[in-house]
Protein backbone atom coordinates (compact mmCIF):
# COMPACT_ATOMS: atom_id res chain seq x y z
CA MET A 1 0.00 0.00 0.00
CA THR A 2 1.26 3.47 -0.84
CA TYR A 3 0.78 6.47 1.41
CA ARG A 4 -1.16 9.24 -0.33
CA ILE A 5 -0.05 12.75 0.63
CA GLY A 6 -1.78 15.67 -1.08
CA ASN A 7 -1.04 19.36 -1.18
CA ALA A 8 -3.59 22.17 -0.98
CA SER A 9 -1.44 25.31 -0.88
CA GLY A 10 1.74 26.45 -2.60
CA PHE A 11 1.85 29.95 -1.08
CA TYR A 12 -0.01 32.27 1.27
CA GLY A 13 -2.86 33.36 -1.01
CA ASP A 14 -3.27 30.18 -3.04
CA ARG A 15 -6.70 28.86 -4.04
CA PHE A 16 -8.87 28.92 -0.92
CA SER A 17 -11.16 26.12 -2.11
CA ALA A 18 -8.26 23.70 -2.67
CA VAL A 19 -8.56 22.18 0.82
CA ARG A 20 -12.15 21.12 0.23
CA GLU A 21 -11.39 20.04 -3.34
CA MET A 22 -8.61 17.76 -2.12
CA LEU A 23 -10.70 16.30 0.72
CA THR A 24 -13.67 15.54 -1.52
CA GLY A 25 -11.88 14.62 -4.75
CA GLY A 26 -10.62 11.18 -3.78
CA PRO A 27 -8.78 9.22 -1.09
CA LEU A 28 -5.96 10.81 0.89
CA ASP A 29 -4.05 9.90 4.01
CA VAL A 30 -2.54 13.32 4.68
CA LEU A 31 -3.24 16.81 3.35
CA THR A 32 -0.37 19.30 3.50
CA GLY A 33 0.01 22.99 2.79
CA ASP A 34 2.94 25.31 2.22
CA TYR A 35 2.09 28.88 3.22
CA LEU A 36 5.54 30.37 3.72
CA ALA A 37 8.02 32.08 1.45
CA GLU A 38 10.81 34.60 1.92
CA LEU A 39 8.41 37.50 1.33
CA THR A 40 5.68 35.91 3.48
CA MET A 41 7.93 35.88 6.52
CA LEU A 42 8.41 39.64 6.13
CA ILE A 43 4.65 40.17 5.83
CA LEU A 44 4.02 38.06 8.94
CA GLY A 45 6.79 39.93 10.76
CA ARG A 46 5.07 43.23 10.08
CA ASP A 47 1.78 41.68 11.26
CA ARG A 48 3.47 40.63 14.50
CA MET A 49 4.81 44.17 15.02
CA LYS A 50 1.20 45.38 15.09
CA ASP A 51 -0.10 42.55 17.30
CA ALA A 52 2.07 40.01 19.13
CA ASN A 53 -0.75 37.45 18.86
CA ARG A 54 -0.56 37.47 15.07
CA GLY A 55 2.16 36.16 12.80
CA TYR A 56 0.45 33.08 11.37
CA ALA A 57 -1.47 32.47 8.12
CA LYS A 58 -5.03 33.49 8.94
CA THR A 59 -6.27 31.95 5.67
CA PHE A 60 -5.43 28.48 7.00
CA LEU A 61 -7.60 29.03 10.06
CA ARG A 62 -10.54 30.02 7.86
CA GLN A 63 -9.97 26.96 5.67
CA MET A 64 -10.02 24.76 8.77
CA GLU A 65 -13.26 26.38 9.93
CA GLU A 66 -14.87 25.07 6.76
CA ASN A 67 -13.04 21.76 6.48
CA LEU A 68 -11.72 20.48 9.82
CA GLY A 69 -14.85 18.38 10.40
CA LEU A 70 -14.62 16.95 6.88
CA ALA A 71 -10.98 15.99 7.38
CA ARG A 72 -11.81 14.32 10.69
CA GLU A 73 -14.70 12.44 9.10
CA LYS A 74 -12.48 11.13 6.32
CA GLY A 75 -9.57 10.30 8.59
CA VAL A 76 -7.21 12.68 6.79
CA LYS A 77 -4.42 14.20 8.85
CA ILE A 78 -3.43 17.84 8.23
CA VAL A 79 0.20 19.05 8.25
CA ALA A 80 1.00 22.65 7.32
CA ASN A 81 3.64 25.30 7.98
CA ALA A 82 0.92 27.94 8.36
CA GLY A 83 2.14 28.70 11.89
CA GLY A 84 4.64 31.12 10.39
CA LEU A 85 6.12 33.16 13.23
CA ASN A 86 3.56 31.98 15.78
CA PRO A 87 2.82 28.24 15.51
CA ALA A 88 1.78 28.06 19.18
CA GLY A 89 -0.75 30.83 18.58
CA LEU A 90 -2.18 29.04 15.56
CA ALA A 91 -2.40 25.76 17.51
CA ASP A 92 -4.33 27.53 20.28
CA ALA A 93 -6.66 29.12 17.72
CA LEU A 94 -7.27 25.70 16.17
CA ARG A 95 -8.15 24.21 19.55
CA GLU A 96 -10.64 27.02 20.12
CA LEU A 97 -12.06 26.38 16.66
CA ALA A 98 -12.37 22.63 17.26
CA ALA A 99 -14.20 23.26 20.55
CA LYS A 100 -16.54 25.70 18.84
CA LEU A 101 -17.27 23.11 16.12
CA GLY A 102 -17.70 20.32 18.67
CA LEU A 103 -14.85 18.27 17.20
CA ASP A 104 -12.49 15.96 19.06
CA VAL A 105 -9.29 16.81 17.23
CA LYS A 106 -5.78 16.34 18.55
CA ILE A 107 -3.64 19.35 17.64
CA ALA A 108 0.15 19.65 17.92
CA HIS A 109 2.75 22.11 16.76
CA VAL A 110 6.47 22.43 16.08
CA GLU A 111 8.51 25.42 17.21
CA GLY A 112 12.09 26.53 17.74
CA ASP A 113 12.85 28.01 14.33
CA ASP A 114 12.31 31.62 15.43
CA LEU A 115 15.73 32.98 16.35
CA VAL A 116 15.00 36.70 16.36
CA ALA A 117 15.34 36.99 20.15
CA ARG A 118 18.79 35.36 19.91
CA ALA A 119 19.96 37.28 16.85
CA ASP A 120 22.76 39.11 18.69
CA GLU A 121 24.00 35.92 20.35
CA LEU A 122 24.10 34.14 16.98
CA ASN A 123 25.68 37.11 15.13
CA LEU A 124 22.64 37.58 12.92
CA GLY A 125 22.45 41.36 13.19
CA LYS A 126 19.16 43.04 14.09
CA PRO A 127 16.56 41.44 11.81
CA LEU A 128 12.81 41.84 11.90
CA THR A 129 12.52 38.06 11.41
CA ALA A 130 15.12 35.30 11.72
CA ASN A 131 13.93 31.77 11.07
CA ALA A 132 15.95 28.59 10.74
CA TYR A 133 14.76 25.92 8.34
CA LEU A 134 13.88 22.94 10.54
CA GLY A 135 13.38 19.42 9.26
CA ALA A 136 10.76 16.71 9.48
CA TRP A 137 11.43 14.97 12.80
CA GLY A 138 9.36 17.29 14.98
CA ILE A 139 6.41 16.56 12.69
CA VAL A 140 7.15 12.84 13.02
CA GLU A 141 7.08 13.10 16.83
CA CYS A 142 3.72 14.89 16.75
CA LEU A 143 2.14 12.36 14.40
CA ASN A 144 3.49 9.43 16.39
CA ALA A 145 1.78 10.95 19.45
CA GLY A 146 -1.58 10.76 17.64
CA ALA A 147 -1.92 14.31 16.33
CA ASP A 148 -4.64 14.89 13.76
CA VAL A 149 -3.34 18.36 12.87
CA VAL A 150 0.28 19.51 13.02
CA VAL A 151 1.20 23.13 12.39
CA THR A 152 4.76 24.35 12.17
CA GLY A 153 6.77 27.49 11.76
CA ARG A 154 9.62 27.65 9.24
CA VAL A 155 10.41 24.12 8.23
CA THR A 156 11.73 23.29 4.78
CA ASP A 157 8.93 23.19 2.23
CA ALA A 158 9.38 19.46 1.66
CA SER A 159 9.35 18.65 5.40
CA VAL A 160 5.56 18.76 5.61
CA ILE A 161 5.58 15.82 3.17
CA VAL A 162 8.68 14.03 4.50
CA GLY A 163 7.40 14.06 8.09
CA PRO A 164 4.17 12.12 7.46
CA ALA A 165 5.96 9.61 5.21
CA ALA A 166 8.72 9.02 7.79
CA ALA A 167 6.17 8.59 10.57
CA HIS A 168 4.05 6.17 8.55
CA TYR A 169 6.92 3.95 7.44
CA GLY A 170 9.00 4.23 10.60
CA TRP A 171 12.11 5.45 8.79
CA ALA A 172 15.25 5.95 10.83
CA ARG A 173 17.23 9.17 10.90
CA ASP A 174 19.87 7.58 8.64
CA ASP A 175 17.47 6.08 6.06
CA TYR A 176 18.91 8.66 3.71
CA ASP A 177 17.74 7.17 0.42
CA ALA A 178 14.12 6.88 1.58
CA LEU A 179 14.21 10.37 3.07
CA ALA A 180 15.73 11.76 -0.12
CA GLY A 181 12.99 10.12 -2.19
CA ALA A 182 10.38 11.81 -0.01
CA VAL A 183 12.21 15.14 -0.34
CA ALA A 184 12.05 14.82 -4.12
CA ALA A 185 8.33 14.05 -3.97
CA GLY A 186 7.80 16.88 -1.51
CA HIS A 187 9.73 19.32 -3.68
CA VAL A 188 7.43 18.45 -6.59
CA ILE A 189 4.09 18.84 -4.79
CA GLU A 190 4.84 21.62 -2.28
CA CYS A 191 4.21 24.33 -4.89
CA GLY A 192 0.71 23.10 -5.60
CA ALA A 193 -0.54 23.37 -9.16
CA GLN A 194 2.95 24.00 -10.55
CA ALA A 195 3.18 20.18 -10.61
CA THR A 196 -0.12 19.76 -12.45
CA GLY A 197 0.38 22.06 -15.41
CA GLY A 198 0.45 25.48 -13.80
CA ASN A 199 3.22 27.81 -15.00
CA TYR A 200 4.24 25.10 -17.45
CA ALA A 201 6.34 26.04 -20.49
CA PHE A 202 4.45 23.75 -22.90
CA PHE A 203 0.98 24.71 -21.62
CA THR A 204 -0.41 25.01 -25.16
CA GLU A 205 -0.07 21.24 -25.59
CA HIS A 206 -2.68 20.54 -22.93
CA SER A 207 -6.07 21.66 -21.70
CA LEU A 208 -5.21 23.41 -18.45
CA GLY A 209 -8.54 24.71 -17.18
CA VAL A 210 -8.39 24.99 -13.40
CA PRO A 211 -5.66 22.50 -12.53
CA GLY A 212 -6.15 20.14 -9.64
CA PHE A 213 -3.65 20.02 -6.82
CA PRO A 214 -0.96 17.31 -6.72
CA ILE A 215 -0.65 14.08 -4.78
CA ALA A 216 2.47 12.05 -3.98
CA GLU A 217 1.88 8.33 -3.54
CA ILE A 218 4.96 7.54 -1.46
CA GLU A 219 6.18 3.98 -1.00
CA ALA A 220 8.22 2.38 1.79
CA ASP A 221 11.54 2.86 -0.03
CA GLY A 222 10.87 6.55 -0.67
CA SER A 223 9.99 6.17 -4.34
CA SER A 224 6.77 7.84 -5.36
CA VAL A 225 4.19 8.47 -8.03
CA ILE A 226 3.08 12.05 -8.62
CA THR A 227 -0.58 12.28 -9.62
CA LYS A 228 -3.81 14.21 -8.98
CA HIS A 229 -7.42 13.40 -8.24
CA PRO A 230 -9.32 12.00 -11.26
CA GLY A 231 -11.42 14.46 -13.20
CA THR A 232 -9.50 17.54 -12.09
CA GLY A 233 -7.97 19.97 -14.55
CA GLY A 234 -4.38 20.24 -15.63
CA VAL A 235 -1.92 17.47 -16.41
CA VAL A 236 0.80 15.48 -14.69
CA ASN A 237 3.52 14.26 -17.04
CA ALA A 238 7.29 13.95 -17.11
CA GLY A 239 7.56 17.58 -18.22
CA THR A 240 5.48 19.09 -15.42
CA VAL A 241 7.38 17.03 -12.86
CA THR A 242 10.77 17.89 -14.38
CA ALA A 243 9.90 21.58 -14.34
CA GLN A 244 9.07 21.46 -10.65
CA LEU A 245 12.11 19.38 -9.76
CA LEU A 246 14.24 22.15 -11.29
CA TYR A 247 12.42 24.92 -9.44
CA GLU A 248 14.66 27.03 -7.21
CA ILE A 249 17.44 24.49 -6.75
CA THR A 250 21.13 24.93 -7.42
CA GLY A 251 23.04 21.81 -8.42
CA ALA A 252 22.97 18.07 -7.97
CA ARG A 253 23.11 18.22 -4.17
CA TYR A 254 19.96 19.68 -2.59
CA ALA A 255 20.76 20.20 1.08
CA GLY A 256 18.19 19.95 3.84
CA PRO A 257 18.26 19.61 7.62
CA ASP A 258 17.59 15.84 7.51
CA VAL A 259 19.20 14.68 4.28
CA THR A 260 21.07 15.99 1.27
CA THR A 261 19.17 14.79 -1.78
CA ARG A 262 21.08 13.88 -4.91
CA PHE A 263 18.94 15.22 -7.73
CA ASP A 264 21.41 13.74 -10.23
CA THR A 265 20.39 10.20 -9.21
CA LEU A 266 16.64 10.25 -9.67
CA SER A 267 14.77 8.84 -12.65
CA LEU A 268 11.35 9.69 -14.04
CA ALA A 269 8.96 7.36 -15.85
CA GLU A 270 5.40 7.90 -16.97
CA ASP A 271 3.18 5.40 -15.15
CA GLY A 272 -0.13 5.91 -16.94
CA PRO A 273 -2.31 8.98 -17.52
CA ASP A 274 -1.45 11.76 -15.07
CA ARG A 275 1.03 9.53 -13.23
CA VAL A 276 4.81 9.98 -13.08
CA ARG A 277 7.07 7.72 -11.04
CA ILE A 278 10.15 9.12 -9.28
CA SER A 279 12.67 6.44 -8.34
CA GLY A 280 16.35 5.82 -7.70
CA VAL A 281 16.86 8.86 -5.49
CA ARG A 282 19.97 8.66 -3.35
CA GLY A 283 20.53 10.57 -0.15
CA GLU A 284 23.50 11.63 1.94
CA ALA A 285 23.95 12.94 5.47
CA PRO A 286 22.85 16.57 5.84
CA PRO A 287 25.28 19.45 6.36
CA PRO A 288 26.09 20.48 9.94
CA THR A 289 24.49 23.91 9.57
CA LEU A 290 20.93 25.11 9.12
CA LYS A 291 19.95 27.90 6.79
CA VAL A 292 18.40 30.94 8.46
CA ALA A 293 16.16 33.34 6.57
CA LEU A 294 16.69 36.92 7.73
CA ASN A 295 14.38 39.82 6.91
CA THR A 296 15.22 43.39 7.85
CA LEU A 297 13.44 46.65 7.10
CA GLY A 298 15.57 48.34 4.47
CA GLY A 299 13.87 51.71 4.28
CA PHE A 300 11.10 53.13 2.10
CA ARG A 301 10.38 52.91 -1.60
CA ASN A 302 8.09 54.54 -4.16
CA GLU A 303 7.61 54.58 -7.90
CA THR A 304 6.04 56.45 -10.78
CA THR A 305 5.48 55.40 -14.37
CA PHE A 306 5.34 58.02 -17.12
CA VAL A 307 3.50 57.16 -20.32
CA LEU A 308 5.32 58.33 -23.47
CA THR A 309 3.27 58.19 -26.65
CA GLY A 310 4.05 58.46 -30.32
CA LEU A 311 7.12 60.18 -31.68
CA ASP A 312 10.46 61.11 -30.06
CA ILE A 313 10.22 58.55 -27.25
CA ASP A 314 13.89 58.75 -26.28
CA ALA A 315 13.82 62.56 -26.25
CA LYS A 316 10.65 62.59 -24.13
CA ALA A 317 12.26 60.19 -21.66
CA ALA A 318 15.40 62.30 -21.46
CA LEU A 319 13.38 65.47 -20.87
CA VAL A 320 11.26 64.19 -18.00
CA ARG A 321 14.27 62.53 -16.36
CA GLU A 322 16.23 65.79 -16.51
CA GLN A 323 13.27 67.73 -15.11
CA LEU A 324 12.53 65.34 -12.25
CA GLU A 325 16.16 65.05 -11.19
CA ALA A 326 16.41 68.85 -11.16
CA ALA A 327 13.26 69.09 -9.01
CA LEU A 328 14.77 66.65 -6.47
CA LYS A 329 18.31 68.04 -6.46
CA ASP A 330 18.12 69.61 -2.98
CA ARG A 331 17.42 66.21 -1.37
CA PRO A 332 17.54 63.38 -3.90
CA PRO A 333 16.52 59.89 -2.81
CA ALA A 334 19.43 57.63 -1.90
CA ASP A 335 18.69 55.21 -4.74
CA VAL A 336 17.01 56.04 -8.06
CA LYS A 337 16.46 53.56 -10.89
CA TRP A 338 15.09 54.49 -14.32
CA THR A 339 13.77 51.88 -16.77
CA LEU A 340 12.39 52.60 -20.23
CA ALA A 341 10.18 49.83 -21.60
CA ARG A 342 9.81 50.27 -25.34
CA THR A 343 6.33 48.82 -25.62
CA ASP A 344 5.53 51.28 -28.41
CA HIS A 345 5.01 50.33 -32.06
CA ALA A 346 5.45 52.58 -35.09
CA ASP A 347 2.28 53.65 -36.88
CA ALA A 348 0.22 51.92 -34.17
CA ASP A 349 -3.52 51.49 -34.58
CA THR A 350 -4.28 52.01 -30.86
CA GLU A 351 -2.95 54.62 -28.46
CA GLN A 352 -1.80 51.97 -26.03
CA THR A 353 0.37 50.21 -28.59
CA ALA A 354 1.81 53.60 -29.58
CA SER A 355 3.06 54.15 -26.01
CA ALA A 356 6.22 53.34 -24.06
CA LEU A 357 6.56 53.25 -20.27
CA LEU A 358 9.24 55.14 -18.37
CA HIS A 359 9.44 53.76 -14.86
CA VAL A 360 11.33 55.41 -12.01
CA ALA A 361 11.71 53.74 -8.60
CA VAL A 362 13.31 55.33 -5.56
CA LYS A 363 14.47 54.18 -2.13
CA ASP A 364 15.49 56.16 0.92
CA ALA A 365 15.74 55.80 4.68
CA ASP A 366 13.41 58.83 5.08
CA PRO A 367 9.76 58.12 4.16
CA LYS A 368 9.21 61.80 3.42
CA VAL A 369 11.97 61.84 0.79
CA ALA A 370 10.65 58.71 -0.90
CA GLY A 371 7.03 59.75 -0.41
CA ARG A 372 5.05 62.71 -1.66
CA ALA A 373 8.22 64.76 -2.10
CA PHE A 374 9.05 62.38 -4.93
CA THR A 375 5.66 61.62 -6.48
CA GLY A 376 4.48 65.18 -6.00
CA ALA A 377 7.50 66.47 -7.92
CA ALA A 378 6.72 64.03 -10.72
CA VAL A 379 3.10 65.11 -11.05
CA GLU A 380 3.95 68.82 -10.86
CA LEU A 381 5.58 68.38 -14.28
CA ALA A 382 2.21 67.56 -15.85
CA LEU A 383 1.79 70.83 -17.76
CA ALA A 384 5.48 71.61 -18.17
CA SER A 385 7.08 68.60 -19.75
CA TYR A 386 6.76 66.42 -22.84
CA PRO A 387 3.65 66.46 -25.07
CA GLY A 388 1.02 63.96 -23.99
CA PHE A 389 2.28 63.82 -20.39
CA HIS A 390 0.45 61.45 -18.08
CA VAL A 391 1.31 58.86 -15.43
CA THR A 392 -0.27 55.51 -14.62
CA ALA A 393 -1.20 56.24 -10.98
CA PRO A 394 -1.78 59.28 -8.74
CA PRO A 395 0.85 60.42 -6.22
CA SER A 396 1.34 58.03 -3.32
CA ASP A 397 3.15 57.82 -0.02
CA ALA A 398 6.27 55.71 0.35
CA SER A 399 5.95 52.14 1.56
CA PRO A 400 8.46 50.22 3.67
CA TYR A 401 10.51 47.54 1.95
CA GLY A 402 12.39 44.56 3.27
CA VAL A 403 15.82 43.11 2.65
CA TYR A 404 16.29 39.36 2.62
CA THR A 405 19.56 37.62 3.40
CA ALA A 406 20.47 34.05 4.26
CA ALA A 407 22.74 33.03 7.12
CA TYR A 408 23.90 29.66 8.41
CA VAL A 409 24.19 28.51 12.01
CA ASP A 410 25.30 25.27 13.60
CA ALA A 411 22.31 22.94 13.84
CA GLY A 412 23.08 22.31 17.50
CA GLN A 413 22.40 25.98 18.28
CA VAL A 414 18.81 25.83 17.01
CA PRO A 415 16.07 24.41 19.24
CA HIS A 416 13.63 22.05 17.54
CA VAL A 417 10.65 21.28 19.76
CA ALA A 418 7.59 19.13 19.14
CA VAL A 419 4.68 20.23 21.33
CA LEU A 420 2.41 17.19 21.47
CA PRO A 421 -1.40 17.19 21.68
CA ASP A 422 -1.23 16.76 25.48
CA GLY A 423 1.14 19.70 25.83
CA MET A 424 4.27 17.63 26.42
CA ARG A 425 7.37 19.22 24.92
CA VAL A 426 9.86 16.95 23.17
CA ASP A 427 13.26 18.24 22.11
CA ILE A 428 14.36 17.00 18.67
CA ALA A 429 18.08 16.46 18.41
CA PRO A 430 19.93 17.55 15.27
CA SER A 431 21.34 14.90 12.98
CA SER A 432 24.17 13.00 14.67
CA SER A 433 25.87 12.35 11.33
CA THR A 434 26.60 15.26 9.01
CA LEU A 435 28.54 15.89 5.83
CA ASP A 436 29.81 19.25 4.66
CA LEU A 437 28.10 20.29 1.45
CA SER A 438 30.26 20.20 -1.67
CA GLU A 439 29.71 20.32 -5.40
CA VAL A 440 29.63 17.10 -7.40
CA ASP A 441 32.07 16.69 -10.23
CA GLU A 442 30.58 17.84 -13.53
CA PRO A 443 29.34 14.77 -15.37
CA ALA A 444 30.93 13.68 -18.62
CA LEU A 445 29.25 15.37 -21.54
CA PRO A 446 27.55 13.26 -24.20
CA GLU A 447 28.84 13.28 -27.75
CA PRO A 448 27.78 16.48 -29.56
CA LEU A 449 24.87 16.04 -31.92
CA ASP A 450 26.06 15.55 -35.49
CA HIS A 451 23.54 17.78 -37.19
CA GLY A 452 23.07 19.41 -40.55
CA PRO A 453 21.27 22.66 -41.37
CA VAL A 454 20.06 24.97 -38.61
CA ARG A 455 17.14 27.33 -38.38
CA ARG A 456 16.91 30.46 -36.22
CA VAL A 457 13.97 30.01 -33.87
CA PRO A 458 13.15 30.82 -30.23
CA LEU A 459 14.93 28.46 -27.84
CA GLY A 460 11.53 27.64 -26.34
CA THR A 461 10.57 25.87 -29.56
CA ILE A 462 12.33 22.82 -28.16
CA ALA A 463 13.30 23.71 -24.55
CA GLY A 464 11.22 24.20 -21.44
CA ALA A 465 12.20 26.40 -18.50
CA ARG A 466 11.15 27.29 -15.00
CA SER A 467 12.65 30.04 -12.90
CA GLY A 468 12.40 31.61 -9.47
CA ASP A 469 14.25 33.37 -6.70
CA LYS A 470 16.50 32.55 -3.78
CA GLY A 471 17.15 35.84 -2.03
CA GLY A 472 18.98 38.10 -4.46
CA ASN A 473 19.79 35.26 -6.86
CA ALA A 474 17.71 33.97 -9.77
CA ASN A 475 17.48 30.25 -10.54
CA LEU A 476 16.66 29.21 -14.09
CA GLY A 477 16.19 25.55 -15.00
CA VAL A 478 16.14 24.48 -18.66
CA TRP A 479 15.27 21.04 -20.00
CA VAL A 480 14.61 19.27 -23.29
CA ARG A 481 12.55 16.19 -24.08
CA SER A 482 14.79 13.96 -26.20
CA GLU A 483 18.31 12.60 -25.95
CA GLU A 484 19.22 14.18 -29.31
CA ALA A 485 18.07 17.60 -28.08
CA TRP A 486 20.10 17.13 -24.89
CA ARG A 487 23.23 16.31 -26.89
CA TRP A 488 22.77 19.63 -28.69
CA LEU A 489 21.68 21.75 -25.70
CA VAL A 490 24.43 20.74 -23.30
CA HIS A 491 27.11 21.85 -25.76
CA ARG A 492 25.25 24.91 -27.09
CA LEU A 493 23.81 26.55 -24.00
CA THR A 494 27.02 27.37 -22.16
CA VAL A 495 27.36 30.13 -19.58
CA ALA A 496 28.82 32.37 -22.29
CA GLU A 497 25.85 31.73 -24.58
CA PHE A 498 23.43 32.26 -21.68
CA LYS A 499 24.94 35.69 -21.02
CA LEU A 500 24.64 36.60 -24.71
CA LEU A 501 20.99 35.57 -24.76
CA LEU A 502 20.18 37.41 -21.51
CA PRO A 503 22.27 40.60 -21.55
CA GLU A 504 21.09 41.61 -18.06
CA THR A 505 23.29 38.79 -16.75
CA ALA A 506 26.42 39.73 -18.69
CA ASP A 507 28.28 41.32 -15.78
CA LEU A 508 26.98 38.99 -13.07
CA PRO A 509 28.34 35.67 -11.76
CA VAL A 510 26.50 32.81 -13.47
CA THR A 511 26.97 29.13 -12.66
CA ARG A 512 25.67 26.20 -14.73
CA TYR A 513 24.75 22.89 -13.12
CA LEU A 514 24.02 19.77 -15.18
CA LEU A 515 21.38 17.12 -14.41
CA PRO A 516 21.69 14.59 -17.26
CA ASN A 517 19.02 12.22 -15.85
CA LEU A 518 16.50 14.98 -16.42
CA ARG A 519 18.14 16.22 -19.65
CA ALA A 520 18.33 19.48 -17.77
CA MET A 521 20.60 22.22 -16.54
CA ASN A 522 20.15 24.88 -13.92
CA PHE A 523 21.65 28.37 -14.07
CA VAL A 524 22.13 30.43 -10.92
CA VAL A 525 22.53 34.17 -11.55
CA GLU A 526 23.93 35.89 -8.50
CA GLY A 527 22.72 39.32 -7.45
CA ILE A 528 20.28 40.03 -10.27
CA LEU A 529 17.42 40.46 -7.77
CA GLY A 530 19.33 42.86 -5.54
CA GLU A 531 18.37 42.38 -1.89
CA GLY A 532 15.52 39.96 -2.61
CA VAL A 533 11.90 40.17 -3.63
CA ALA A 534 10.82 42.48 -0.82
CA SER A 535 13.25 45.14 -2.00
CA GLN A 536 11.59 45.21 -5.46
CA ALA A 537 14.94 45.84 -7.12
CA ARG A 538 13.98 44.60 -10.56
CA PHE A 539 11.11 44.19 -12.96
CA ASP A 540 9.85 40.66 -12.19
CA PRO A 541 11.41 40.77 -8.71
CA GLN A 542 10.97 37.02 -8.09
CA ALA A 543 12.34 36.03 -11.53
CA LYS A 544 9.15 34.10 -12.23
CA ALA A 545 9.25 34.89 -15.96
CA PHE A 546 13.04 34.86 -16.28
CA GLY A 547 12.89 31.45 -17.95
CA GLU A 548 10.21 32.55 -20.39
CA TRP A 549 12.44 35.43 -21.45
CA LEU A 550 15.21 32.93 -22.19
CA ARG A 551 12.80 30.70 -24.15
CA SER A 552 11.77 33.68 -26.29
CA ARG A 553 15.32 34.42 -27.39
CA GLU A 554 16.26 33.23 -30.87
CA ILE A 555 19.07 30.78 -31.44
CA ASP A 556 20.25 28.52 -34.27
CA VAL A 557 18.61 25.11 -33.69
CA PRO A 558 19.36 22.05 -35.83
CA GLU A 559 16.48 21.40 -38.19
CA VAL A 560 16.59 17.71 -37.26
CA LEU A 561 15.27 18.72 -33.81
CA LEU A 562 12.41 20.84 -35.10
């Protein structure tokens, strides 16, 4: 018998109805949810500043109000990281909810990840939030004590899947291959519908509709089948699973607090309609340190977008820039970034397609400087600047922005506590066996494809991609769907070629990692996102469409592959 673990949330704000859809759509043993991201922790930190009793994902509590009785009736356990910065508070709120609904539900939580009170001691600076990525064993302890619902703070995204599987099968702390298999399955389903056709490069090949949420059928050895409830929208195939496996990783070793998963060892095989098997995953001892996500308040930001229409776009942009900088010369913002998006077309048949957008974003420690002093100066140019002057939004006040950084602390310095349904507190020891993280040797390259004529087409004609953020870095995974295409891609899409195709990366450190089992490679571009998503340093601040930009770039592709 396999153990069926479903997912109903890939981020704080995901489809509210997914919990009920997953509980009513077919059999499940466990329903999980991932509510936390780098930006979410900042949002929850600001919530906690306003009210110390807040700091958890309120959406989850509302979902449980509608569905806790249904889950209990169906015997489905719930495991979610919705506790955010206050898992104890969420557990208390859930107990109050269960009493109100007349339900006998055993609720537990995991805590210890919040290090903000010890930031000075641990040399973490003075962050607004500081959360270590805990592993799965606190969840295991709670489930083994009979918990029906387990809520956590900042555990790794995959841990909400690994924990239930480890508890069910009784895995030991050093069952690294089984744990690694569950990490791979968890990494695929933790982002919800991204595993079932959402954000998928080849979406035009399938009927997407409203995609169902994913399920991992995990077996005793850690291998799994990724699927979804029958009759739901979307698709599960080798491509959708490959795309998610590549999402926001670096190289072949994917480090976690319980196991380092070797993504270069896994194999995928289609196992029927909407079923993909993941097998062969190998695991190694985890590193001795835990990653800590730090969020600090960086200052205040604001922005204005000028619309430039018709002729002389460059001259119009130069004029308004000169005028605004002159208006702000007595106290200019500390950071000013101008971006001209040439969305205009010559001889356009609509005004919108005749227009370009000149965007200016500012940051400063003083909210007054980044606030109305900036946007007011921009709007005051309305009757004194380029012909056709207008902006896309009225003047606004500055808003605070965050800065994300990652730190690493010895795992032994981070408490990991399972608070069981009866209130007993159980300390979870860190892994007794660790292995410093290192890169794997680059695999031998296959023979180059012996091809004839080429045709200049977008790279996305034959290659898929998925991209995302890790702090200030962008991750961009690229894969192809045949061995012949891989033999061409691995020799053609070098770091040098990547930088030519994406000129924004030309002066930045770029590293390429190869994953031949997936016919895939992952590029990590350091620093392109500045200080992380909360700082809004770049258009597409989470690099979500970075891969689609690469796919749109034209390159000479062998005709034999087209």
